[in-house]
Amino acid sequence: MKKLLFVILLPVVIGVMLMMTCPDRTTHYEAVKRVASEVINAEMNESNVEETIASIGTVLAINVVDAYLKSNLIVRDHTFYNVGVIIYKGDFRMVSVGVFNHVFTIDKETAREIIKYKLSLKDIMKSE
């Protein structure tokens, strides 16, 4: 009897914990922005642009990504987790998953691809 009660009670407890610890939209936004900022910084550091222009381009690109995420990041709440999505090439693209108060984001290569599609970093670097 105790074993049956444990088998029934354990999934219920885990389910309640999952529901109570779903991260909010701000947590998703900050996690995705952090990955995007890392990609932009790495891209600008690898470029052969003067340091002053690269730093201006970095600030400009991060501000554009920030504005884009503020208006286009959609967090879809599910019962036990939530998913952050953006519109990419006409389709919804998952960029983050939130569970147990932690947000897992896309990898840097995927972020680089999305950023280059939405914001051409080469155009910013050409303005030297």
Protein backbone atom coordinates (compact mmCIF):
# COMPACT_ATOMS: atom_id res chain seq x y z
CA MET A 1 0.00 0.00 0.00
CA LYS A 2 2.81 2.40 0.86
CA LYS A 3 4.51 1.66 -2.43
CA LEU A 4 1.34 2.46 -4.37
CA LEU A 5 0.87 5.71 -2.46
CA PHE A 6 4.50 6.66 -3.20
CA VAL A 7 4.10 5.85 -6.92
CA ILE A 8 0.99 8.04 -7.10
CA LEU A 9 2.25 10.86 -4.88
CA LEU A 10 5.69 11.31 -6.48
CA PRO A 11 4.44 12.39 -9.94
CA VAL A 12 1.92 14.72 -8.30
CA VAL A 13 4.65 16.40 -6.23
CA ILE A 14 6.94 16.72 -9.27
CA GLY A 15 4.07 18.16 -11.32
CA VAL A 16 3.25 20.75 -8.67
CA MET A 17 6.94 21.71 -8.43
CA LEU A 18 7.13 22.10 -12.22
CA MET A 19 4.03 24.34 -12.25
CA MET A 20 5.32 26.51 -9.42
CA THR A 21 8.81 27.02 -10.86
CA CYS A 22 8.08 28.05 -14.48
CA PRO A 23 10.23 31.09 -15.31
CA ASP A 24 8.51 34.28 -16.44
CA ARG A 25 8.88 36.24 -19.70
CA THR A 26 11.60 38.49 -18.26
CA THR A 27 13.79 35.50 -17.46
CA HIS A 28 13.39 34.20 -21.02
CA TYR A 29 14.13 37.66 -22.43
CA GLU A 30 17.30 38.07 -20.37
CA ALA A 31 18.60 34.59 -21.24
CA VAL A 32 18.05 35.02 -24.98
CA LYS A 33 19.50 38.55 -24.90
CA ARG A 34 22.62 37.25 -23.11
CA VAL A 35 23.21 34.66 -25.84
CA ALA A 36 22.60 37.26 -28.58
CA SER A 37 25.02 39.70 -26.91
CA GLU A 38 27.71 37.02 -26.70
CA VAL A 39 27.26 36.24 -30.41
CA ILE A 40 27.42 39.91 -31.40
CA ASN A 41 30.52 40.52 -29.28
CA ALA A 42 32.27 37.47 -30.75
CA GLU A 43 31.31 38.49 -34.29
CA MET A 44 32.62 42.01 -33.82
CA ASN A 45 35.84 40.78 -32.19
CA GLU A 46 36.49 38.49 -35.17
CA SER A 47 35.94 41.27 -37.69
CA ASN A 48 38.76 43.33 -39.15
CA VAL A 49 37.15 46.63 -38.24
CA GLU A 50 38.73 49.42 -36.26
CA GLU A 51 38.10 49.03 -32.54
CA THR A 52 36.06 52.23 -32.17
CA ILE A 53 33.77 51.36 -35.06
CA ALA A 54 33.44 47.78 -33.81
CA SER A 55 32.38 48.98 -30.36
CA ILE A 56 29.83 51.38 -31.86
CA GLY A 57 28.54 48.58 -34.10
CA THR A 58 28.32 46.25 -31.12
CA VAL A 59 26.28 48.73 -29.10
CA LEU A 60 24.03 49.44 -32.07
CA ALA A 61 23.50 45.74 -32.84
CA ILE A 62 22.76 44.88 -29.21
CA ASN A 63 20.24 47.72 -28.98
CA VAL A 64 18.49 46.55 -32.16
CA VAL A 65 18.37 42.95 -30.89
CA ASP A 66 17.11 44.22 -27.52
CA ALA A 67 14.29 46.18 -29.18
CA TYR A 68 13.45 43.20 -31.40
CA LEU A 69 13.25 40.80 -28.44
CA LYS A 70 11.13 43.20 -26.38
CA SER A 71 8.50 43.34 -29.08
CA ASN A 72 8.74 39.89 -30.70
CA LEU A 73 9.62 37.35 -28.01
CA ILE A 74 6.52 35.31 -27.26
CA VAL A 75 6.49 33.04 -24.21
CA ARG A 76 3.95 30.24 -24.50
CA ASP A 77 2.98 28.85 -21.15
CA HIS A 78 2.28 25.15 -20.91
CA THR A 79 1.24 23.45 -17.73
CA PHE A 80 4.64 22.20 -16.60
CA TYR A 81 7.04 24.34 -18.67
CA ASN A 82 7.07 27.31 -21.03
CA VAL A 83 8.66 28.01 -24.40
CA GLY A 84 10.04 31.25 -25.83
CA VAL A 85 9.52 31.70 -29.57
CA ILE A 86 10.19 34.35 -32.21
CA ILE A 87 9.06 34.65 -35.80
CA TYR A 88 11.92 33.60 -38.10
CA LYS A 89 11.50 33.36 -41.87
CA GLY A 90 7.72 33.39 -41.47
CA ASP A 91 7.61 30.54 -38.96
CA PHE A 92 7.71 30.39 -35.19
CA ARG A 93 11.19 29.40 -34.01
CA MET A 94 11.77 28.14 -30.48
CA VAL A 95 14.62 30.06 -28.82
CA SER A 96 14.21 29.06 -25.17
CA VAL A 97 12.61 26.51 -22.87
CA GLY A 98 11.87 27.25 -19.24
CA VAL A 99 11.57 24.56 -16.59
CA PHE A 100 12.38 24.39 -12.86
CA ASN A 101 13.08 28.15 -12.81
CA HIS A 102 15.85 27.81 -15.41
CA VAL A 103 15.84 28.87 -19.05
CA PHE A 104 17.62 26.77 -21.65
CA THR A 105 18.42 28.72 -24.82
CA ILE A 106 19.46 27.98 -28.38
CA ASP A 107 23.12 27.43 -29.13
CA LYS A 108 25.35 30.26 -30.34
CA GLU A 109 25.51 29.05 -33.95
CA THR A 110 21.73 29.08 -34.27
CA ALA A 111 21.62 32.51 -32.61
CA ARG A 112 24.26 33.76 -35.07
CA GLU A 113 22.15 32.50 -37.99
CA ILE A 114 19.00 34.21 -36.69
CA ILE A 115 20.80 37.48 -35.93
CA LYS A 116 22.42 37.58 -39.36
CA TYR A 117 19.03 37.01 -40.94
CA LYS A 118 17.24 39.64 -38.85
CA LEU A 119 20.13 42.10 -38.60
CA SER A 120 22.88 41.99 -41.16
CA LEU A 121 26.03 42.57 -39.11
CA LYS A 122 27.99 43.02 -42.34
CA ASP A 123 25.96 46.15 -43.12
CA ILE A 124 26.93 47.63 -39.76
CA MET A 125 30.60 46.82 -40.32
CA LYS A 126 30.55 48.30 -43.85
CA SER A 127 29.69 51.70 -42.42
CA GLU A 128 33.35 52.29 -41.56
